[in-house]
Amino acid sequence: MRLKSALWVAAYIRRCGVEGVFAAVRRRGAEEAGAIFVVVNRLDGTADLYSPAPQTAFDEEKPYDRAFAPALKTLPAPESEVEAFIARETRFDPDVWVVEIEERSGRHFLDRIVR
């Protein structure tokens, strides 16, 4: 059974805090199963954006943990590109979560990244 989105986000924010990194929920999505996007703001006008990994990235039939993939072709990207992507995604799916962290070096603390 996979964690609810709200619980995963709360745990992720806590993990960032333990690492000494500021994290905040920018957009609250569906409590149960909203897609989660993570913005890593590098505080220099650029940011990294991670989105849920596509289902084809999993070997198992039904994944039990969350995996993320870079949402844009180049990371870091200008903040304007990241904001435009998030705006398009929220118009498509109003149940998405957006979590933003501030980390100059780009550390993201996501356990599983699929490239």
PDB file of N, CA and C in Angstrom:
ATOM      1  N   MET A   1       0.844  -1.170   0.000  1.00  0.00           N
ATOM      2  CA  MET A   1       0.000   0.000   0.000  1.00  0.00           C
ATOM      3  C   MET A   1       0.899   1.246   0.000  1.00  0.00           C
ATOM      4  N   ARG A   2       0.582   2.177  -0.848  1.00  0.00           N
ATOM      5  CA  ARG A   2       1.375   3.390  -0.979  1.00  0.00           C
ATOM      6  C   ARG A   2       0.883   4.462  -0.008  1.00  0.00           C
ATOM      7  N   LEU A   3       1.816   5.269   0.505  1.00  0.00           N
ATOM      8  CA  LEU A   3       1.450   6.362   1.405  1.00  0.00           C
ATOM      9  C   LEU A   3       0.563   7.370   0.697  1.00  0.00           C
ATOM     10  N   LYS A   4      -0.354   7.941   1.439  1.00  0.00           N
ATOM     11  CA  LYS A   4      -1.167   9.026   0.896  1.00  0.00           C
ATOM     12  C   LYS A   4      -0.255  10.203   0.584  1.00  0.00           C
ATOM     13  N   SER A   5      -0.637  10.988  -0.401  1.00  0.00           N
ATOM     14  CA  SER A   5       0.177  12.124  -0.822  1.00  0.00           C
ATOM     15  C   SER A   5       0.425  13.100   0.323  1.00  0.00           C
ATOM     16  N   ALA A   6      -0.608  13.393   1.104  1.00  0.00           N
ATOM     17  CA  ALA A   6      -0.465  14.354   2.203  1.00  0.00           C
ATOM     18  C   ALA A   6       0.562  13.878   3.221  1.00  0.00           C
ATOM     19  N   LEU A   7       0.567  12.607   3.531  1.00  0.00           N
ATOM     20  CA  LEU A   7       1.520  12.053   4.494  1.00  0.00           C
ATOM     21  C   LEU A   7       2.934  12.063   3.916  1.00  0.00           C
ATOM     22  N   TRP A   8       3.072  11.702   2.642  1.00  0.00           N
ATOM     23  CA  TRP A   8       4.390  11.715   1.999  1.00  0.00           C
ATOM     24  C   TRP A   8       4.967  13.129   1.998  1.00  0.00           C
ATOM     25  N   VAL A   9       4.150  14.118   1.657  1.00  0.00           N
ATOM     26  CA  VAL A   9       4.608  15.507   1.620  1.00  0.00           C
ATOM     27  C   VAL A   9       5.038  15.961   3.014  1.00  0.00           C
ATOM     28  N   ALA A  10       4.264  15.641   4.032  1.00  0.00           N
ATOM     29  CA  ALA A  10       4.626  16.025   5.402  1.00  0.00           C
ATOM     30  C   ALA A  10       5.965  15.413   5.805  1.00  0.00           C
ATOM     31  N   ALA A  11       6.170  14.148   5.463  1.00  0.00           N
ATOM     32  CA  ALA A  11       7.433  13.477   5.789  1.00  0.00           C
ATOM     33  C   ALA A  11       8.596  14.081   5.003  1.00  0.00           C
ATOM     34  N   TYR A  12       8.360  14.420   3.758  1.00  0.00           N
ATOM     35  CA  TYR A  12       9.404  15.015   2.930  1.00  0.00           C
ATOM     36  C   TYR A  12       9.821  16.385   3.476  1.00  0.00           C
ATOM     37  N   ILE A  13       8.855  17.190   3.860  1.00  0.00           N
ATOM     38  CA  ILE A  13       9.164  18.504   4.425  1.00  0.00           C
ATOM     39  C   ILE A  13       9.951  18.349   5.727  1.00  0.00           C
ATOM     40  N   ARG A  14       9.580  17.386   6.510  1.00  0.00           N
ATOM     41  CA  ARG A  14      10.310  17.135   7.760  1.00  0.00           C
ATOM     42  C   ARG A  14      11.746  16.700   7.470  1.00  0.00           C
ATOM     43  N   ARG A  15      11.919  15.837   6.475  1.00  0.00           N
ATOM     44  CA  ARG A  15      13.270  15.391   6.115  1.00  0.00           C
ATOM     45  C   ARG A  15      14.127  16.564   5.660  1.00  0.00           C
ATOM     46  N   CYS A  16      13.572  17.444   4.864  1.00  0.00           N
ATOM     47  CA  CYS A  16      14.308  18.631   4.428  1.00  0.00           C
ATOM     48  C   CYS A  16      14.710  19.477   5.633  1.00  0.00           C
ATOM     49  N   GLY A  17      13.793  19.635   6.575  1.00  0.00           N
ATOM     50  CA  GLY A  17      14.083  20.398   7.779  1.00  0.00           C
ATOM     51  C   GLY A  17      15.222  19.795   8.578  1.00  0.00           C
ATOM     52  N   VAL A  18      15.242  18.474   8.681  1.00  0.00           N
ATOM     53  CA  VAL A  18      16.323  17.787   9.396  1.00  0.00           C
ATOM     54  C   VAL A  18      17.663  18.068   8.717  1.00  0.00           C
ATOM     55  N   GLU A  19      17.650  18.192   7.405  1.00  0.00           N
ATOM     56  CA  GLU A  19      18.872  18.482   6.651  1.00  0.00           C
ATOM     57  C   GLU A  19      19.226  19.968   6.673  1.00  0.00           C
ATOM     58  N   GLY A  20      18.384  20.790   7.301  1.00  0.00           N
ATOM     59  CA  GLY A  20      18.648  22.220   7.394  1.00  0.00           C
ATOM     60  C   GLY A  20      18.229  23.006   6.164  1.00  0.00           C
ATOM     61  N   VAL A  21      17.295  22.447   5.400  1.00  0.00           N
ATOM     62  CA  VAL A  21      16.837  23.073   4.162  1.00  0.00           C
ATOM     63  C   VAL A  21      15.380  23.500   4.320  1.00  0.00           C
ATOM     64  N   PHE A  22      15.084  24.736   3.927  1.00  0.00           N
ATOM     65  CA  PHE A  22      13.715  25.241   3.999  1.00  0.00           C
ATOM     66  C   PHE A  22      12.858  24.552   2.937  1.00  0.00           C
ATOM     67  N   ALA A  23      11.678  24.106   3.326  1.00  0.00           N
ATOM     68  CA  ALA A  23      10.728  23.482   2.407  1.00  0.00           C
ATOM     69  C   ALA A  23       9.329  23.958   2.755  1.00  0.00           C
ATOM     70  N   ALA A  24       8.499  24.117   1.734  1.00  0.00           N
ATOM     71  CA  ALA A  24       7.124  24.561   1.959  1.00  0.00           C
ATOM     72  C   ALA A  24       6.205  23.994   0.890  1.00  0.00           C
ATOM     73  N   VAL A  25       4.956  23.824   1.257  1.00  0.00           N
ATOM     74  CA  VAL A  25       3.938  23.414   0.302  1.00  0.00           C
ATOM     75  C   VAL A  25       3.457  24.663  -0.416  1.00  0.00           C
ATOM     76  N   ARG A  26       3.653  24.710  -1.715  1.00  0.00           N
ATOM     77  CA  ARG A  26       3.168  25.849  -2.506  1.00  0.00           C
ATOM     78  C   ARG A  26       1.748  25.627  -2.979  1.00  0.00           C
ATOM     79  N   ARG A  27       1.411  24.380  -3.204  1.00  0.00           N
ATOM     80  CA  ARG A  27       0.058  24.055  -3.674  1.00  0.00           C
ATOM     81  C   ARG A  27      -0.344  22.722  -3.058  1.00  0.00           C
ATOM     82  N   ARG A  28      -1.488  22.743  -2.430  1.00  0.00           N
ATOM     83  CA  ARG A  28      -2.029  21.539  -1.804  1.00  0.00           C
ATOM     84  C   ARG A  28      -2.919  20.824  -2.802  1.00  0.00           C
ATOM     85  N   GLY A  29      -2.666  19.544  -2.981  1.00  0.00           N
ATOM     86  CA  GLY A  29      -3.443  18.759  -3.923  1.00  0.00           C
ATOM     87  C   GLY A  29      -4.368  17.786  -3.218  1.00  0.00           C
ATOM     88  N   ALA A  30      -4.753  16.755  -3.919  1.00  0.00           N
ATOM     89  CA  ALA A  30      -5.636  15.732  -3.358  1.00  0.00           C
ATOM     90  C   ALA A  30      -4.919  14.979  -2.241  1.00  0.00           C
ATOM     91  N   GLU A  31      -5.578  14.846  -1.104  1.00  0.00           N
ATOM     92  CA  GLU A  31      -4.986  14.200   0.068  1.00  0.00           C
ATOM     93  C   GLU A  31      -4.564  12.760  -0.198  1.00  0.00           C
ATOM     94  N   GLU A  32      -5.381  12.036  -0.905  1.00  0.00           N
ATOM     95  CA  GLU A  32      -5.159  10.603  -1.087  1.00  0.00           C
ATOM     96  C   GLU A  32      -4.079  10.279  -2.112  1.00  0.00           C
ATOM     97  N   ALA A  33      -4.220  10.820  -3.320  1.00  0.00           N
ATOM     98  CA  ALA A  33      -3.340  10.361  -4.397  1.00  0.00           C
ATOM     99  C   ALA A  33      -2.976  11.444  -5.394  1.00  0.00           C
ATOM    100  N   GLY A  34      -2.887  12.679  -4.959  1.00  0.00           N
ATOM    101  CA  GLY A  34      -2.491  13.746  -5.872  1.00  0.00           C
ATOM    102  C   GLY A  34      -1.039  13.591  -6.297  1.00  0.00           C
ATOM    103  N   ALA A  35      -0.742  13.907  -7.548  1.00  0.00           N
ATOM    104  CA  ALA A  35       0.634  13.857  -8.040  1.00  0.00           C
ATOM    105  C   ALA A  35       1.448  14.927  -7.320  1.00  0.00           C
ATOM    106  N   ILE A  36       2.719  14.624  -7.059  1.00  0.00           N
ATOM    107  CA  ILE A  36       3.584  15.540  -6.318  1.00  0.00           C
ATOM    108  C   ILE A  36       4.714  16.018  -7.220  1.00  0.00           C
ATOM    109  N   PHE A  37       4.886  17.332  -7.283  1.00  0.00           N
ATOM    110  CA  PHE A  37       5.987  17.952  -8.015  1.00  0.00           C
ATOM    111  C   PHE A  37       6.885  18.636  -6.999  1.00  0.00           C
ATOM    112  N   VAL A  38       8.191  18.479  -7.171  1.00  0.00           N
ATOM    113  CA  VAL A  38       9.154  19.082  -6.252  1.00  0.00           C
ATOM    114  C   VAL A  38      10.000  20.087  -7.017  1.00  0.00           C
ATOM    115  N   VAL A  39       9.998  21.323  -6.536  1.00  0.00           N
ATOM    116  CA  VAL A  39      10.804  22.405  -7.109  1.00  0.00           C
ATOM    117  C   VAL A  39      11.991  22.617  -6.188  1.00  0.00           C
ATOM    118  N   VAL A  40      13.189  22.556  -6.754  1.00  0.00           N
ATOM    119  CA  VAL A  40      14.405  22.857  -6.000  1.00  0.00           C
ATOM    120  C   VAL A  40      14.881  24.223  -6.471  1.00  0.00           C
ATOM    121  N   ASN A  41      14.553  25.240  -5.691  1.00  0.00           N
ATOM    122  CA  ASN A  41      14.921  26.608  -6.032  1.00  0.00           C
ATOM    123  C   ASN A  41      16.386  26.815  -5.648  1.00  0.00           C
ATOM    124  N   ARG A  42      17.212  27.153  -6.640  1.00  0.00           N
ATOM    125  CA  ARG A  42      18.648  27.314  -6.379  1.00  0.00           C
ATOM    126  C   ARG A  42      19.008  28.734  -5.960  1.00  0.00           C
ATOM    127  N   LEU A  43      18.015  29.592  -5.819  1.00  0.00           N
ATOM    128  CA  LEU A  43      18.188  30.949  -5.300  1.00  0.00           C
ATOM    129  C   LEU A  43      19.087  31.821  -6.171  1.00  0.00           C
ATOM    130  N   ASP A  44      19.186  31.485  -7.450  1.00  0.00           N
ATOM    131  CA  ASP A  44      19.971  32.293  -8.383  1.00  0.00           C
ATOM    132  C   ASP A  44      19.200  32.546  -9.676  1.00  0.00           C
ATOM    133  N   GLY A  45      17.873  32.383  -9.607  1.00  0.00           N
ATOM    134  CA  GLY A  45      17.045  32.554 -10.801  1.00  0.00           C
ATOM    135  C   GLY A  45      16.818  31.267 -11.560  1.00  0.00           C
ATOM    136  N   THR A  46      17.367  30.161 -11.054  1.00  0.00           N
ATOM    137  CA  THR A  46      17.161  28.863 -11.690  1.00  0.00           C
ATOM    138  C   THR A  46      16.568  27.898 -10.675  1.00  0.00           C
ATOM    139  N   ALA A  47      16.018  26.804 -11.201  1.00  0.00           N
ATOM    140  CA  ALA A  47      15.416  25.789 -10.333  1.00  0.00           C
ATOM    141  C   ALA A  47      15.425  24.443 -11.050  1.00  0.00           C
ATOM    142  N   ASP A  48      15.355  23.391 -10.265  1.00  0.00           N
ATOM    143  CA  ASP A  48      15.173  22.043 -10.782  1.00  0.00           C
ATOM    144  C   ASP A  48      13.712  21.672 -10.530  1.00  0.00           C
ATOM    145  N   LEU A  49      13.151  20.870 -11.407  1.00  0.00           N
ATOM    146  CA  LEU A  49      11.765  20.434 -11.229  1.00  0.00           C
ATOM    147  C   LEU A  49      11.700  18.930 -11.408  1.00  0.00           C
ATOM    148  N   TYR A  50      11.161  18.260 -10.411  1.00  0.00           N
ATOM    149  CA  TYR A  50      10.995  16.809 -10.452  1.00  0.00           C
ATOM    150  C   TYR A  50       9.513  16.484 -10.418  1.00  0.00           C
ATOM    151  N   SER A  51       9.121  15.547 -11.282  1.00  0.00           N
ATOM    152  CA  SER A  51       7.720  15.129 -11.394  1.00  0.00           C
ATOM    153  C   SER A  51       7.636  13.631 -11.125  1.00  0.00           C
ATOM    154  N   PRO A  52       6.432  13.108 -10.933  1.00  0.00           N
ATOM    155  CA  PRO A  52       6.309  11.662 -10.754  1.00  0.00           C
ATOM    156  C   PRO A  52       6.877  10.932 -11.967  1.00  0.00           C
ATOM    157  N   ALA A  53       7.629   9.879 -11.705  1.00  0.00           N
ATOM    158  CA  ALA A  53       8.214   9.091 -12.795  1.00  0.00           C
ATOM    159  C   ALA A  53       7.102   8.378 -13.552  1.00  0.00           C
ATOM    160  N   PRO A  54       7.272   8.183 -14.845  1.00  0.00           N
ATOM    161  CA  PRO A  54       6.250   7.465 -15.614  1.00  0.00           C
ATOM    162  C   PRO A  54       6.140   6.010 -15.160  1.00  0.00           C
ATOM    163  N   GLN A  55       4.982   5.441 -15.306  1.00  0.00           N
ATOM    164  CA  GLN A  55       4.741   4.060 -14.877  1.00  0.00           C
ATOM    165  C   GLN A  55       5.675   3.067 -15.571  1.00  0.00           C
ATOM    166  N   THR A  56       6.152   3.403 -16.752  1.00  0.00           N
ATOM    167  CA  THR A  56       7.061   2.504 -17.475  1.00  0.00           C
ATOM    168  C   THR A  56       8.417   2.392 -16.786  1.00  0.00           C
ATOM    169  N   ALA A  57       8.701   3.251 -15.829  1.00  0.00           N
ATOM    170  CA  ALA A  57       9.974   3.214 -15.112  1.00  0.00           C
ATOM    171  C   ALA A  57      10.008   2.144 -14.029  1.00  0.00           C
ATOM    172  N   PHE A  58       8.877   1.528 -13.737  1.00  0.00           N
ATOM    173  CA  PHE A  58       8.797   0.540 -12.671  1.00  0.00           C
ATOM    174  C   PHE A  58       8.844  -0.874 -13.236  1.00  0.00           C
ATOM    175  N   ASP A  59       9.587  -1.723 -12.524  1.00  0.00           N
ATOM    176  CA  ASP A  59       9.655  -3.126 -12.913  1.00  0.00           C
ATOM    177  C   ASP A  59       8.432  -3.893 -12.429  1.00  0.00           C
ATOM    178  N   GLU A  60       7.970  -3.548 -11.240  1.00  0.00           N
ATOM    179  CA  GLU A  60       6.821  -4.239 -10.664  1.00  0.00           C
ATOM    180  C   GLU A  60       5.531  -3.771 -11.340  1.00  0.00           C
ATOM    181  N   GLU A  61       4.481  -4.535 -11.154  1.00  0.00           N
ATOM    182  CA  GLU A  61       3.187  -4.135 -11.705  1.00  0.00           C
ATOM    183  C   GLU A  61       2.661  -2.890 -11.007  1.00  0.00           C
ATOM    184  N   LYS A  62       2.753  -2.874  -9.687  1.00  0.00           N
ATOM    185  CA  LYS A  62       2.213  -1.766  -8.918  1.00  0.00           C
ATOM    186  C   LYS A  62       3.301  -1.266  -7.963  1.00  0.00           C
ATOM    187  N   PRO A  63       3.848  -0.070  -8.204  1.00  0.00           N
ATOM    188  CA  PRO A  63       4.923   0.413  -7.340  1.00  0.00           C
ATOM    189  C   PRO A  63       4.417   0.772  -5.943  1.00  0.00           C
ATOM    190  N   TYR A  64       5.255   0.491  -4.948  1.00  0.00           N
ATOM    191  CA  TYR A  64       4.874   0.792  -3.570  1.00  0.00           C
ATOM    192  C   TYR A  64       5.576   2.027  -3.031  1.00  0.00           C
ATOM    193  N   ASP A  65       6.580   2.507  -3.736  1.00  0.00           N
ATOM    194  CA  ASP A  65       7.222   3.738  -3.312  1.00  0.00           C
ATOM    195  C   ASP A  65       7.134   4.756  -4.439  1.00  0.00           C
ATOM    196  N   ARG A  66       7.407   5.978  -4.127  1.00  0.00           N
ATOM    197  CA  ARG A  66       7.322   7.036  -5.134  1.00  0.00           C
ATOM    198  C   ARG A  66       8.680   7.198  -5.802  1.00  0.00           C
ATOM    199  N   ALA A  67       8.646   7.416  -7.086  1.00  0.00           N
ATOM    200  CA  ALA A  67       9.858   7.701  -7.849  1.00  0.00           C
ATOM    201  C   ALA A  67       9.626   8.993  -8.614  1.00  0.00           C
ATOM    202  N   PHE A  68      10.687   9.717  -8.830  1.00  0.00           N
ATOM    203  CA  PHE A  68      10.604  11.003  -9.503  1.00  0.00           C
ATOM    204  C   PHE A  68      11.548  11.019 -10.693  1.00  0.00           C
ATOM    205  N   ALA A  69      11.255  11.908 -11.622  1.00  0.00           N
ATOM    206  CA  ALA A  69      12.085  12.092 -12.809  1.00  0.00           C
ATOM    207  C   ALA A  69      12.182  13.585 -13.077  1.00  0.00           C
ATOM    208  N   PRO A  70      13.293  14.021 -13.669  1.00  0.00           N
ATOM    209  CA  PRO A  70      13.363  15.435 -14.051  1.00  0.00           C
ATOM    210  C   PRO A  70      12.220  15.764 -15.008  1.00  0.00           C
ATOM    211  N   ALA A  71      11.539  16.867 -14.758  1.00  0.00           N
ATOM    212  CA  ALA A  71      10.381  17.232 -15.577  1.00  0.00           C
ATOM    213  C   ALA A  71      10.777  18.034 -16.808  1.00  0.00           C
ATOM    214  N   LEU A  72      11.964  18.641 -16.773  1.00  0.00           N
ATOM    215  CA  LEU A  72      12.418  19.468 -17.887  1.00  0.00           C
ATOM    216  C   LEU A  72      13.688  18.859 -18.483  1.00  0.00           C
ATOM    217  N   LYS A  73      13.986  19.207 -19.712  1.00  0.00           N
ATOM    218  CA  LYS A  73      15.146  18.622 -20.399  1.00  0.00           C
ATOM    219  C   LYS A  73      16.465  19.023 -19.758  1.00  0.00           C
ATOM    220  N   THR A  74      16.573  20.262 -19.321  1.00  0.00           N
ATOM    221  CA  THR A  74      17.814  20.719 -18.703  1.00  0.00           C
ATOM    222  C   THR A  74      17.554  21.155 -17.274  1.00  0.00           C
ATOM    223  N   LEU A  75      18.444  20.738 -16.402  1.00  0.00           N
ATOM    224  CA  LEU A  75      18.387  21.140 -15.003  1.00  0.00           C
ATOM    225  C   LEU A  75      19.744  21.713 -14.621  1.00  0.00           C
ATOM    226  N   PRO A  76      19.817  22.844 -13.992  1.00  0.00           N
ATOM    227  CA  PRO A  76      18.691  23.688 -13.632  1.00  0.00           C
ATOM    228  C   PRO A  76      18.151  24.450 -14.835  1.00  0.00           C
ATOM    229  N   ALA A  77      16.916  24.881 -14.717  1.00  0.00           N
ATOM    230  CA  ALA A  77      16.233  25.644 -15.766  1.00  0.00           C
ATOM    231  C   ALA A  77      15.873  27.018 -15.205  1.00  0.00           C
ATOM    232  N   PRO A  78      15.643  27.978 -16.073  1.00  0.00           N
ATOM    233  CA  PRO A  78      15.181  29.276 -15.576  1.00  0.00           C
ATOM    234  C   PRO A  78      13.865  29.111 -14.807  1.00  0.00           C
ATOM    235  N   GLU A  79      13.709  29.889 -13.757  1.00  0.00           N
ATOM    236  CA  GLU A  79      12.495  29.789 -12.941  1.00  0.00           C
ATOM    237  C   GLU A  79      11.236  30.007 -13.771  1.00  0.00           C
ATOM    238  N   SER A  80      11.313  30.840 -14.795  1.00  0.00           N
ATOM    239  CA  SER A  80      10.138  31.097 -15.636  1.00  0.00           C
ATOM    240  C   SER A  80       9.673  29.818 -16.336  1.00  0.00           C
ATOM    241  N   GLU A  81      10.607  28.962 -16.768  1.00  0.00           N
ATOM    242  CA  GLU A  81      10.232  27.690 -17.401  1.00  0.00           C
ATOM    243  C   GLU A  81       9.568  26.759 -16.396  1.00  0.00           C
ATOM    244  N   VAL A  82      10.110  26.735 -15.195  1.00  0.00           N
ATOM    245  CA  VAL A  82       9.537  25.885 -14.144  1.00  0.00           C
ATOM    246  C   VAL A  82       8.119  26.343 -13.822  1.00  0.00           C
ATOM    247  N   GLU A  83       7.930  27.644 -13.666  1.00  0.00           N
ATOM    248  CA  GLU A  83       6.607  28.183 -13.345  1.00  0.00           C
ATOM    249  C   GLU A  83       5.617  27.916 -14.475  1.00  0.00           C
ATOM    250  N   ALA A  84       6.059  28.042 -15.718  1.00  0.00           N
ATOM    251  CA  ALA A  84       5.179  27.771 -16.866  1.00  0.00           C
ATOM    252  C   ALA A  84       4.765  26.304 -16.879  1.00  0.00           C
ATOM    253  N   PHE A  85       5.690  25.400 -16.586  1.00  0.00           N
ATOM    254  CA  PHE A  85       5.377  23.967 -16.551  1.00  0.00           C
ATOM    255  C   PHE A  85       4.349  23.684 -15.461  1.00  0.00           C
ATOM    256  N   ILE A  86       4.559  24.245 -14.283  1.00  0.00           N
ATOM    257  CA  ILE A  86       3.624  24.013 -13.172  1.00  0.00           C
ATOM    258  C   ILE A  86       2.242  24.578 -13.511  1.00  0.00           C
ATOM    259  N   ALA A  87       2.196  25.742 -14.141  1.00  0.00           N
ATOM    260  CA  ALA A  87       0.904  26.333 -14.520  1.00  0.00           C
ATOM    261  C   ALA A  87       0.161  25.429 -15.499  1.00  0.00           C
ATOM    262  N   ARG A  88       0.870  24.893 -16.481  1.00  0.00           N
ATOM    263  CA  ARG A  88       0.233  23.973 -17.443  1.00  0.00           C
ATOM    264  C   ARG A  88      -0.260  22.714 -16.743  1.00  0.00           C
ATOM    265  N   GLU A  89       0.544  22.187 -15.850  1.00  0.00           N
ATOM    266  CA  GLU A  89       0.186  20.945 -15.163  1.00  0.00           C
ATOM    267  C   GLU A  89      -1.026  21.142 -14.263  1.00  0.00           C
ATOM    268  N   THR A  90      -1.110  22.269 -13.565  1.00  0.00           N
ATOM    269  CA  THR A  90      -2.254  22.497 -12.675  1.00  0.00           C
ATOM    270  C   THR A  90      -3.531  22.775 -13.452  1.00  0.00           C
ATOM    271  N   ARG A  91      -3.409  23.319 -14.663  1.00  0.00           N
ATOM    272  CA  ARG A  91      -4.609  23.455 -15.503  1.00  0.00           C
ATOM    273  C   ARG A  91      -5.093  22.080 -15.966  1.00  0.00           C
ATOM    274  N   PHE A  92      -4.155  21.193 -16.237  1.00  0.00           N
ATOM    275  CA  PHE A  92      -4.483  19.837 -16.682  1.00  0.00           C
ATOM    276  C   PHE A  92      -5.028  18.992 -15.532  1.00  0.00           C
ATOM    277  N   ASP A  93      -4.401  19.110 -14.347  1.00  0.00           N
ATOM    278  CA  ASP A  93      -4.789  18.307 -13.191  1.00  0.00           C
ATOM    279  C   ASP A  93      -4.803  19.197 -11.943  1.00  0.00           C
ATOM    280  N   PRO A  94      -5.957  19.639 -11.495  1.00  0.00           N
ATOM    281  CA  PRO A  94      -6.023  20.544 -10.343  1.00  0.00           C
ATOM    282  C   PRO A  94      -5.698  19.870  -9.004  1.00  0.00           C
ATOM    283  N   ASP A  95      -5.474  18.551  -8.991  1.00  0.00           N
ATOM    284  CA  ASP A  95      -5.196  17.834  -7.743  1.00  0.00           C
ATOM    285  C   ASP A  95      -3.713  17.685  -7.433  1.00  0.00           C
ATOM    286  N   VAL A  96      -2.835  18.347  -8.174  1.00  0.00           N
ATOM    287  CA  VAL A  96      -1.397  18.183  -7.962  1.00  0.00           C
ATOM    288  C   VAL A  96      -0.914  18.942  -6.724  1.00  0.00           C
ATOM    289  N   TRP A  97       0.144  18.425  -6.140  1.00  0.00           N
ATOM    290  CA  TRP A  97       0.858  19.070  -5.051  1.00  0.00           C
ATOM    291  C   TRP A  97       2.111  19.704  -5.638  1.00  0.00           C
ATOM    292  N   VAL A  98       2.504  20.852  -5.100  1.00  0.00           N
ATOM    293  CA  VAL A  98       3.780  21.461  -5.459  1.00  0.00           C
ATOM    294  C   VAL A  98       4.503  21.777  -4.154  1.00  0.00           C
ATOM    295  N   VAL A  99       5.673  21.164  -3.998  1.00  0.00           N
ATOM    296  CA  VAL A  99       6.514  21.401  -2.828  1.00  0.00           C
ATOM    297  C   VAL A  99       7.766  22.105  -3.325  1.00  0.00           C
ATOM    298  N   GLU A 100       8.158  23.169  -2.652  1.00  0.00           N
ATOM    299  CA  GLU A 100       9.365  23.891  -3.055  1.00  0.00           C
ATOM    300  C   GLU A 100      10.367  23.887  -1.922  1.00  0.00           C
ATOM    301  N   ILE A 101      11.618  23.596  -2.280  1.00  0.00           N
ATOM    302  CA  ILE A 101      12.698  23.690  -1.313  1.00  0.00           C
ATOM    303  C   ILE A 101      13.712  24.706  -1.825  1.00  0.00           C
ATOM    304  N   GLU A 102      14.470  25.277  -0.918  1.00  0.00           N
ATOM    305  CA  GLU A 102      15.512  26.229  -1.289  1.00  0.00           C
ATOM    306  C   GLU A 102      16.856  25.588  -0.987  1.00  0.00           C
ATOM    307  N   GLU A 103      17.607  25.279  -2.044  1.00  0.00           N
ATOM    308  CA  GLU A 103      18.879  24.586  -1.889  1.00  0.00           C
ATOM    309  C   GLU A 103      19.801  24.987  -3.029  1.00  0.00           C
ATOM    310  N   ARG A 104      20.786  25.819  -2.718  1.00  0.00           N
ATOM    311  CA  ARG A 104      21.696  26.349  -3.743  1.00  0.00           C
ATOM    312  C   ARG A 104      22.426  25.261  -4.526  1.00  0.00           C
ATOM    313  N   SER A 105      22.825  24.204  -3.861  1.00  0.00           N
ATOM    314  CA  SER A 105      23.611  23.160  -4.532  1.00  0.00           C
ATOM    315  C   SER A 105      22.747  22.159  -5.302  1.00  0.00           C
ATOM    316  N   GLY A 106      21.434  22.214  -5.137  1.00  0.00           N
ATOM    317  CA  GLY A 106      20.548  21.319  -5.883  1.00  0.00           C
ATOM    318  C   GLY A 106      20.234  20.005  -5.197  1.00  0.00           C
ATOM    319  N   ARG A 107      20.647  19.842  -3.934  1.00  0.00           N
ATOM    320  CA  ARG A 107      20.274  18.605  -3.224  1.00  0.00           C
ATOM    321  C   ARG A 107      18.752  18.548  -3.138  1.00  0.00           C
ATOM    322  N   HIS A 108      18.180  17.377  -3.340  1.00  0.00           N
ATOM    323  CA  HIS A 108      16.716  17.282  -3.373  1.00  0.00           C
ATOM    324  C   HIS A 108      16.143  16.313  -2.351  1.00  0.00           C
ATOM    325  N   PHE A 109      16.934  15.403  -1.813  1.00  0.00           N
ATOM    326  CA  PHE A 109      16.510  14.463  -0.775  1.00  0.00           C
ATOM    327  C   PHE A 109      15.394  13.515  -1.239  1.00  0.00           C
ATOM    328  N   LEU A 110      15.238  13.356  -2.531  1.00  0.00           N
ATOM    329  CA  LEU A 110      14.280  12.385  -3.066  1.00  0.00           C
ATOM    330  C   LEU A 110      14.993  11.036  -3.115  1.00  0.00           C
ATOM    331  N   ASP A 111      14.331  10.006  -2.632  1.00  0.00           N
ATOM    332  CA  ASP A 111      14.977   8.714  -2.509  1.00  0.00           C
ATOM    333  C   ASP A 111      15.180   7.996  -3.840  1.00  0.00           C
ATOM    334  N   ARG A 112      14.306   8.220  -4.781  1.00  0.00           N
ATOM    335  CA  ARG A 112      14.394   7.456  -6.035  1.00  0.00           C
ATOM    336  C   ARG A 112      14.186   8.410  -7.221  1.00  0.00           C
ATOM    337  N   ILE A 113      15.256   8.577  -8.016  1.00  0.00           N
ATOM    338  CA  ILE A 113      15.204   9.408  -9.218  1.00  0.00           C
ATOM    339  C   ILE A 113      15.387   8.510 -10.429  1.00  0.00           C
ATOM    340  N   VAL A 114      14.487   8.598 -11.376  1.00  0.00           N
ATOM    341  CA  VAL A 114      14.556   7.820 -12.612  1.00  0.00           C
ATOM    342  C   VAL A 114      14.952   8.778 -13.710  1.00  0.00           C
ATOM    343  N   ARG A 115      15.966   8.432 -14.433  1.00  0.00           N
ATOM    344  CA  ARG A 115      16.437   9.320 -15.535  1.00  0.00           C
ATOM    345  C   ARG A 115      15.998   8.789 -16.862  1.00  0.00           C
TER     346      ARG A 115
END
